[in-house]
Protein backbone atom coordinates (compact mmCIF):
# COMPACT_ATOMS: atom_id res chain seq x y z
CA UNK A 1 0.00 0.00 0.00
CA UNK A 2 2.79 2.42 0.90
CA UNK A 3 4.37 4.10 -2.07
CA UNK A 4 1.28 3.43 -4.19
CA UNK A 5 -1.04 5.72 -2.28
CA UNK A 6 -2.27 8.45 -4.59
CA UNK A 7 -3.76 10.69 -1.93
CA UNK A 8 -3.76 10.63 1.83
CA UNK A 9 -7.39 10.65 2.96
CA UNK A 10 -8.04 12.96 5.89
CA UNK A 11 -10.92 14.95 7.30
CA UNK A 12 -10.38 18.71 7.24
CA UNK A 13 -9.63 18.72 11.00
CA UNK A 14 -7.23 15.76 10.72
CA UNK A 15 -5.44 17.55 7.87
CA UNK A 16 -5.12 20.70 10.00
CA UNK A 17 -3.67 18.72 12.91
CA UNK A 18 -1.28 16.69 10.73
CA UNK A 19 -0.07 19.82 8.90
CA UNK A 20 0.56 21.52 12.24
CA UNK A 21 2.49 18.55 13.62
CA UNK A 22 4.45 18.20 10.38
CA UNK A 23 5.60 21.82 10.55
CA UNK A 24 6.24 21.97 14.30
CA UNK A 25 10.01 22.09 13.69
CA UNK A 26 9.60 25.40 11.89
CA UNK A 27 7.49 26.75 14.75
CA UNK A 28 9.94 25.58 17.46
CA UNK A 29 7.23 25.03 20.07
CA UNK A 30 6.39 22.09 22.34
CA UNK A 31 3.68 19.65 21.21
CA UNK A 32 1.48 20.58 24.19
CA UNK A 33 1.58 24.24 23.19
CA UNK A 34 0.72 23.30 19.61
CA UNK A 35 -2.30 21.38 20.88
CA UNK A 36 -3.37 24.40 22.88
CA UNK A 37 -3.05 26.63 19.80
CA UNK A 38 -5.29 24.22 17.91
CA UNK A 39 -7.84 24.34 20.72
CA UNK A 40 -7.23 20.70 21.64
CA UNK A 41 -5.84 18.80 24.57
CA UNK A 42 -2.54 17.03 23.91
CA UNK A 43 -4.25 13.62 24.10
CA UNK A 44 -6.95 14.59 21.60
CA UNK A 45 -4.32 15.94 19.21
CA UNK A 46 -2.41 12.64 19.44
CA UNK A 47 -5.66 10.74 18.84
CA UNK A 48 -6.24 12.75 15.63
CA UNK A 49 -2.71 11.86 14.55
CA UNK A 50 -3.21 8.14 15.27
CA UNK A 51 -6.63 8.03 13.58
CA UNK A 52 -5.21 9.75 10.48
CA UNK A 53 -2.43 7.15 10.28
CA UNK A 54 -4.79 4.21 10.82
CA UNK A 55 -7.33 5.56 8.33
CA UNK A 56 -4.63 5.39 5.67
CA UNK A 57 -3.15 2.05 6.74
CA UNK A 58 0.07 3.26 8.39
CA UNK A 59 1.68 2.02 11.58
CA UNK A 60 4.65 4.39 11.43
CA UNK A 61 4.47 8.18 11.76
CA UNK A 62 7.60 8.58 9.62
CA UNK A 63 6.11 6.63 6.70
CA UNK A 64 2.80 8.44 6.97
CA UNK A 65 4.50 11.83 7.19
CA UNK A 66 6.68 11.11 4.14
CA UNK A 67 3.63 10.22 2.02
CA UNK A 68 1.62 13.13 3.45
CA UNK A 69 4.33 15.63 2.54
CA UNK A 70 4.78 14.04 -0.91
CA UNK A 71 1.01 14.23 -1.44
CA UNK A 72 0.91 17.90 -0.39
CA UNK A 73 3.65 18.93 -2.85
C-alpha atoms as a PDB file:
ATOM      1  CA  UNK A   1       0.000   0.000   0.000  1.00  0.00           C
ATOM      2  CA  UNK A   2       2.789   2.416   0.902  1.00  0.00           C
ATOM      3  CA  UNK A   3       4.365   4.101  -2.074  1.00  0.00           C
ATOM      4  CA  UNK A   4       1.284   3.427  -4.186  1.00  0.00           C
ATOM      5  CA  UNK A   5      -1.036   5.719  -2.282  1.00  0.00           C
ATOM      6  CA  UNK A   6      -2.268   8.455  -4.593  1.00  0.00           C
ATOM      7  CA  UNK A   7      -3.755  10.694  -1.931  1.00  0.00           C
ATOM      8  CA  UNK A   8      -3.764  10.627   1.831  1.00  0.00           C
ATOM      9  CA  UNK A   9      -7.390  10.652   2.957  1.00  0.00           C
ATOM     10  CA  UNK A  10      -8.044  12.964   5.894  1.00  0.00           C
ATOM     11  CA  UNK A  11     -10.924  14.946   7.298  1.00  0.00           C
ATOM     12  CA  UNK A  12     -10.376  18.709   7.244  1.00  0.00           C
ATOM     13  CA  UNK A  13      -9.634  18.716  11.005  1.00  0.00           C
ATOM     14  CA  UNK A  14      -7.225  15.757  10.715  1.00  0.00           C
ATOM     15  CA  UNK A  15      -5.437  17.553   7.865  1.00  0.00           C
ATOM     16  CA  UNK A  16      -5.118  20.702   9.997  1.00  0.00           C
ATOM     17  CA  UNK A  17      -3.666  18.720  12.908  1.00  0.00           C
ATOM     18  CA  UNK A  18      -1.275  16.691  10.731  1.00  0.00           C
ATOM     19  CA  UNK A  19      -0.075  19.823   8.903  1.00  0.00           C
ATOM     20  CA  UNK A  20       0.563  21.522  12.244  1.00  0.00           C
ATOM     21  CA  UNK A  21       2.487  18.547  13.620  1.00  0.00           C
ATOM     22  CA  UNK A  22       4.452  18.198  10.383  1.00  0.00           C
ATOM     23  CA  UNK A  23       5.601  21.817  10.548  1.00  0.00           C
ATOM     24  CA  UNK A  24       6.242  21.973  14.300  1.00  0.00           C
ATOM     25  CA  UNK A  25      10.008  22.089  13.692  1.00  0.00           C
ATOM     26  CA  UNK A  26       9.602  25.403  11.891  1.00  0.00           C
ATOM     27  CA  UNK A  27       7.488  26.745  14.751  1.00  0.00           C
ATOM     28  CA  UNK A  28       9.935  25.577  17.456  1.00  0.00           C
ATOM     29  CA  UNK A  29       7.229  25.032  20.073  1.00  0.00           C
ATOM     30  CA  UNK A  30       6.389  22.088  22.342  1.00  0.00           C
ATOM     31  CA  UNK A  31       3.677  19.653  21.214  1.00  0.00           C
ATOM     32  CA  UNK A  32       1.484  20.579  24.192  1.00  0.00           C
ATOM     33  CA  UNK A  33       1.585  24.241  23.185  1.00  0.00           C
ATOM     34  CA  UNK A  34       0.723  23.300  19.606  1.00  0.00           C
ATOM     35  CA  UNK A  35      -2.297  21.376  20.876  1.00  0.00           C
ATOM     36  CA  UNK A  36      -3.371  24.400  22.878  1.00  0.00           C
ATOM     37  CA  UNK A  37      -3.054  26.631  19.801  1.00  0.00           C
ATOM     38  CA  UNK A  38      -5.288  24.217  17.910  1.00  0.00           C
ATOM     39  CA  UNK A  39      -7.843  24.342  20.718  1.00  0.00           C
ATOM     40  CA  UNK A  40      -7.228  20.702  21.643  1.00  0.00           C
ATOM     41  CA  UNK A  41      -5.840  18.803  24.567  1.00  0.00           C
ATOM     42  CA  UNK A  42      -2.539  17.033  23.912  1.00  0.00           C
ATOM     43  CA  UNK A  43      -4.254  13.617  24.104  1.00  0.00           C
ATOM     44  CA  UNK A  44      -6.948  14.590  21.597  1.00  0.00           C
ATOM     45  CA  UNK A  45      -4.316  15.939  19.205  1.00  0.00           C
ATOM     46  CA  UNK A  46      -2.408  12.643  19.437  1.00  0.00           C
ATOM     47  CA  UNK A  47      -5.658  10.740  18.842  1.00  0.00           C
ATOM     48  CA  UNK A  48      -6.243  12.748  15.635  1.00  0.00           C
ATOM     49  CA  UNK A  49      -2.711  11.857  14.550  1.00  0.00           C
ATOM     50  CA  UNK A  50      -3.209   8.137  15.273  1.00  0.00           C
ATOM     51  CA  UNK A  51      -6.625   8.031  13.580  1.00  0.00           C
ATOM     52  CA  UNK A  52      -5.211   9.747  10.478  1.00  0.00           C
ATOM     53  CA  UNK A  53      -2.432   7.154  10.283  1.00  0.00           C
ATOM     54  CA  UNK A  54      -4.794   4.208  10.820  1.00  0.00           C
ATOM     55  CA  UNK A  55      -7.333   5.557   8.329  1.00  0.00           C
ATOM     56  CA  UNK A  56      -4.629   5.393   5.672  1.00  0.00           C
ATOM     57  CA  UNK A  57      -3.152   2.046   6.739  1.00  0.00           C
ATOM     58  CA  UNK A  58       0.067   3.262   8.393  1.00  0.00           C
ATOM     59  CA  UNK A  59       1.683   2.022  11.578  1.00  0.00           C
ATOM     60  CA  UNK A  60       4.651   4.393  11.434  1.00  0.00           C
ATOM     61  CA  UNK A  61       4.470   8.185  11.755  1.00  0.00           C
ATOM     62  CA  UNK A  62       7.602   8.578   9.616  1.00  0.00           C
ATOM     63  CA  UNK A  63       6.107   6.633   6.698  1.00  0.00           C
ATOM     64  CA  UNK A  64       2.801   8.443   6.975  1.00  0.00           C
ATOM     65  CA  UNK A  65       4.500  11.832   7.187  1.00  0.00           C
ATOM     66  CA  UNK A  66       6.676  11.110   4.141  1.00  0.00           C
ATOM     67  CA  UNK A  67       3.633  10.218   2.025  1.00  0.00           C
ATOM     68  CA  UNK A  68       1.616  13.126   3.450  1.00  0.00           C
ATOM     69  CA  UNK A  69       4.327  15.630   2.542  1.00  0.00           C
ATOM     70  CA  UNK A  70       4.778  14.042  -0.910  1.00  0.00           C
ATOM     71  CA  UNK A  71       1.013  14.233  -1.443  1.00  0.00           C
ATOM     72  CA  UNK A  72       0.910  17.901  -0.395  1.00  0.00           C
ATOM     73  CA  UNK A  73       3.646  18.932  -2.852  1.00  0.00           C
END
